[in-house]
Amino acid sequence: MELNLAQQQVDSWIKTYGVRYFNELTNMALLTEEVGELARIIARTYGEQSFKESDKDRELGDEMADVLFVLICLANQTGVNLSDALAKNIAKKTVRDQERHTGNDKLR
């Protein structure tokens, strides 16, 4: 997966332009903030809320990228290889949920 490359690019950006990583607690707070901004756009685009003037120039992909960037920062800081973690997580879900969703009448 290309997540390894993304982790390297974020690390390079931080070292070149960001001076250093914010500490893990700050980045966790920033991740929460970015997820909230993503939720706002989704609620207004796909939900029942109307757009505020300040929301109209925001792009869904950009908000998702903000979430991903901070998540990658946290992975880099804590020594998590996201490619390995995602592969392991998919394998776990495959074993655990082999029949869970296909047998769910609510999803048909």
Protein backbone atom coordinates (compact mmCIF):
# COMPACT_ATOMS: atom_id res chain seq x y z
CA MET A 1 0.00 0.00 0.00
CA GLU A 2 1.09 3.55 -0.56
CA LEU A 3 0.51 4.55 3.04
CA ASN A 4 4.23 4.09 3.71
CA LEU A 5 4.96 6.76 1.11
CA ALA A 6 2.33 9.05 2.62
CA GLN A 7 3.92 8.63 6.04
CA GLN A 8 7.32 9.53 4.57
CA GLN A 9 5.92 12.58 2.77
CA VAL A 10 4.19 13.90 5.88
CA ASP A 11 7.36 13.37 7.92
CA SER A 12 9.39 15.24 5.31
CA TRP A 13 6.85 18.09 5.26
CA ILE A 14 6.90 18.38 9.04
CA LYS A 15 10.70 18.48 9.11
CA THR A 16 10.87 21.01 6.27
CA TYR A 17 7.95 23.36 7.01
CA GLY A 18 6.45 22.41 10.34
CA VAL A 19 9.63 22.71 12.44
CA ARG A 20 8.57 19.68 14.54
CA TYR A 21 5.56 17.54 15.30
CA PHE A 22 3.06 18.91 17.80
CA ASN A 23 2.92 16.60 20.79
CA GLU A 24 0.61 13.61 20.65
CA LEU A 25 -2.09 15.18 22.83
CA THR A 26 -2.17 18.31 20.70
CA ASN A 27 -2.40 16.21 17.54
CA MET A 28 -5.22 14.16 19.07
CA ALA A 29 -7.11 17.38 19.75
CA LEU A 30 -6.39 18.55 16.18
CA LEU A 31 -7.62 15.21 14.80
CA THR A 32 -10.85 15.64 16.72
CA GLU A 33 -11.21 19.17 15.35
CA GLU A 34 -10.60 18.02 11.78
CA VAL A 35 -13.12 15.15 12.11
CA GLY A 36 -15.64 17.74 13.31
CA GLU A 37 -15.01 19.88 10.23
CA LEU A 38 -15.47 16.81 8.03
CA ALA A 39 -18.69 15.96 9.85
CA ARG A 40 -19.98 19.49 9.27
CA ILE A 41 -19.49 19.23 5.51
CA ILE A 42 -21.07 15.76 5.36
CA ALA A 43 -24.04 16.91 7.47
CA ARG A 44 -24.61 19.84 5.15
CA THR A 45 -23.99 17.95 1.90
CA TYR A 46 -25.78 14.68 2.64
CA GLY A 47 -27.80 15.49 5.74
CA GLU A 48 -30.56 17.90 6.51
CA GLN A 49 -28.53 20.91 7.60
CA SER A 50 -28.18 23.87 5.29
CA PHE A 51 -24.84 25.43 4.44
CA LYS A 52 -23.62 28.48 6.28
CA GLU A 53 -21.85 31.08 4.19
CA SER A 54 -18.55 30.15 5.88
CA ASP A 55 -18.95 26.49 4.82
CA LYS A 56 -19.60 27.03 1.13
CA ASP A 57 -15.95 27.09 0.01
CA ARG A 58 -14.96 23.94 1.91
CA GLU A 59 -14.32 20.77 -0.07
CA LEU A 60 -15.09 17.29 1.18
CA GLY A 61 -11.83 15.83 -0.16
CA ASP A 62 -9.77 18.58 1.45
CA GLU A 63 -11.43 17.96 4.82
CA MET A 64 -10.77 14.22 4.50
CA ALA A 65 -7.14 14.97 3.64
CA ASP A 66 -6.84 17.15 6.78
CA VAL A 67 -8.05 14.19 8.88
CA LEU A 68 -5.63 11.84 7.13
CA PHE A 69 -2.69 14.23 7.55
CA VAL A 70 -3.13 14.50 11.32
CA LEU A 71 -3.74 10.75 11.62
CA ILE A 72 -0.48 10.15 9.75
CA CYS A 73 1.30 12.56 12.09
CA LEU A 74 0.07 10.53 15.06
CA ALA A 75 1.16 7.29 13.40
CA ASN A 76 4.62 8.70 12.71
CA GLN A 77 4.99 9.96 16.26
CA THR A 78 3.94 6.68 17.84
CA GLY A 79 5.84 4.36 15.51
CA VAL A 80 2.79 2.87 13.81
CA ASN A 81 3.26 1.62 10.26
CA LEU A 82 -0.17 2.36 8.80
CA SER A 83 0.27 -0.03 5.86
CA ASP A 84 0.95 -2.92 8.21
CA ALA A 85 -1.77 -1.84 10.64
CA LEU A 86 -4.39 -1.55 7.88
CA ALA A 87 -3.48 -4.93 6.38
CA LYS A 88 -3.72 -6.54 9.82
CA ASN A 89 -7.03 -4.77 10.50
CA ILE A 90 -8.56 -5.93 7.20
CA ALA A 91 -7.46 -9.50 7.94
CA LYS A 92 -9.06 -9.27 11.39
CA LYS A 93 -12.31 -7.93 9.98
CA THR A 94 -12.35 -10.59 7.26
CA VAL A 95 -12.14 -13.41 9.80
CA ARG A 96 -14.50 -11.80 12.30
CA ASP A 97 -17.12 -10.59 9.85
CA GLN A 98 -17.08 -13.28 7.14
CA GLU A 99 -20.81 -13.86 7.41
CA ARG A 100 -21.89 -11.01 9.65
CA HIS A 101 -22.83 -8.53 6.94
CA THR A 102 -23.83 -10.90 4.15
CA GLY A 103 -26.34 -12.46 6.52
CA ASN A 104 -27.76 -9.12 7.61
CA ASP A 105 -31.20 -8.59 6.06
CA LYS A 106 -30.98 -4.88 6.94
CA LEU A 107 -28.24 -4.46 4.32
CA ARG A 108 -30.24 -5.93 1.44
